[in-house]
Structures are given as C-alpha cells and as structure tokens.
C-alpha cells in the first residue's frame, strides 16, 4: 500500500527532498507520489510539517 499526499499539502517540497527513491514530484495543487515506485518507507510522512503523506 503506497503513500499518497492529501489536501493538507502546502507544497513545501520537504517530502520530495527526503524520498530515498525519488518517487515524489510537484503536481498542480500538491506534491504527488508515484505508487509504482513508492517503497512505503514512511520518510515523507515523518518529515512533512502538515502530515500530508498518508498510506493509501
């Protein structure tokens, strides 16, 4: 079950910078996680200041 980024995202980019597999990119309204590449490590969720990444 991959992580996804919810509507709390403020587009700070901390999740993308911390992702060990670089599966997070900037979308139109928020950052997005490629579920095919996500390894479910939780690094993005741990570093996010607004708790936007969550398990899908």
C-alpha atoms as a PDB file:
ATOM      1  CA  UNK A   1       0.000   0.000   0.000  1.00  0.00           C
ATOM      2  CA  UNK A   2       1.757   3.158  -1.219  1.00  0.00           C
ATOM      3  CA  UNK A   3       1.628   6.571   0.395  1.00  0.00           C
ATOM      4  CA  UNK A   4      -0.408   9.381  -1.122  1.00  0.00           C
ATOM      5  CA  UNK A   5      -0.408  13.087  -0.351  1.00  0.00           C
ATOM      6  CA  UNK A   6      -3.659  14.550   0.923  1.00  0.00           C
ATOM      7  CA  UNK A   7      -5.133  18.053   0.653  1.00  0.00           C
ATOM      8  CA  UNK A   8      -3.114  19.289   3.659  1.00  0.00           C
ATOM      9  CA  UNK A   9      -0.083  19.668   1.349  1.00  0.00           C
ATOM     10  CA  UNK A  10       1.387  23.185   1.339  1.00  0.00           C
ATOM     11  CA  UNK A  11       3.888  22.370  -1.460  1.00  0.00           C
ATOM     12  CA  UNK A  12       6.955  22.951   0.712  1.00  0.00           C
ATOM     13  CA  UNK A  13       8.880  20.139  -1.026  1.00  0.00           C
ATOM     14  CA  UNK A  14      10.300  18.535   2.094  1.00  0.00           C
ATOM     15  CA  UNK A  15       8.786  15.178   1.158  1.00  0.00           C
ATOM     16  CA  UNK A  16      10.318  15.143  -2.310  1.00  0.00           C
ATOM     17  CA  UNK A  17      13.734  16.135  -0.982  1.00  0.00           C
ATOM     18  CA  UNK A  18      13.672  13.324   1.593  1.00  0.00           C
ATOM     19  CA  UNK A  19      12.365  10.476  -0.572  1.00  0.00           C
ATOM     20  CA  UNK A  20      15.076   7.797  -0.972  1.00  0.00           C
ATOM     21  CA  UNK A  21      13.655   6.572  -4.294  1.00  0.00           C
ATOM     22  CA  UNK A  22      12.691   9.978  -5.752  1.00  0.00           C
ATOM     23  CA  UNK A  23       9.086   8.991  -6.389  1.00  0.00           C
ATOM     24  CA  UNK A  24       7.581  12.329  -5.291  1.00  0.00           C
ATOM     25  CA  UNK A  25       7.064  15.166  -7.754  1.00  0.00           C
ATOM     26  CA  UNK A  26       5.316  18.515  -7.767  1.00  0.00           C
ATOM     27  CA  UNK A  27       1.765  18.390  -9.079  1.00  0.00           C
ATOM     28  CA  UNK A  28      -0.625  21.219  -9.890  1.00  0.00           C
ATOM     29  CA  UNK A  29      -2.253  21.501  -6.461  1.00  0.00           C
ATOM     30  CA  UNK A  30       0.088  19.409  -4.288  1.00  0.00           C
ATOM     31  CA  UNK A  31       3.022  17.059  -4.498  1.00  0.00           C
ATOM     32  CA  UNK A  32       2.204  13.574  -5.777  1.00  0.00           C
ATOM     33  CA  UNK A  33       3.678  10.138  -5.108  1.00  0.00           C
ATOM     34  CA  UNK A  34       4.129   7.572  -7.861  1.00  0.00           C
ATOM     35  CA  UNK A  35       2.562   4.453  -6.296  1.00  0.00           C
ATOM     36  CA  UNK A  36       4.573   2.179  -8.603  1.00  0.00           C
ATOM     37  CA  UNK A  37       7.866   3.487  -7.201  1.00  0.00           C
ATOM     38  CA  UNK A  38       6.895   4.106  -3.556  1.00  0.00           C
ATOM     39  CA  UNK A  39       8.612   1.653  -1.202  1.00  0.00           C
ATOM     40  CA  UNK A  40       6.367   2.574   1.751  1.00  0.00           C
ATOM     41  CA  UNK A  41       9.283   3.631   3.937  1.00  0.00           C
ATOM     42  CA  UNK A  42       7.379   6.488   5.603  1.00  0.00           C
ATOM     43  CA  UNK A  43      10.198   9.014   5.333  1.00  0.00           C
ATOM     44  CA  UNK A  44       7.894  11.532   3.643  1.00  0.00           C
ATOM     45  CA  UNK A  45       5.287  11.194   6.376  1.00  0.00           C
ATOM     46  CA  UNK A  46       7.871  11.604   9.119  1.00  0.00           C
ATOM     47  CA  UNK A  47       9.317  14.815   7.693  1.00  0.00           C
ATOM     48  CA  UNK A  48       6.117  16.534   6.496  1.00  0.00           C
ATOM     49  CA  UNK A  49       5.218  19.565   8.668  1.00  0.00           C
ATOM     50  CA  UNK A  50       1.471  19.227   7.938  1.00  0.00           C
ATOM     51  CA  UNK A  51       1.055  15.412   7.907  1.00  0.00           C
ATOM     52  CA  UNK A  52       0.046  15.332   4.245  1.00  0.00           C
ATOM     53  CA  UNK A  53       1.507  11.926   3.246  1.00  0.00           C
ATOM     54  CA  UNK A  54      -0.651   9.022   4.373  1.00  0.00           C
ATOM     55  CA  UNK A  55      -0.999   5.368   3.481  1.00  0.00           C
ATOM     56  CA  UNK A  56      -3.467   4.924   0.624  1.00  0.00           C
END
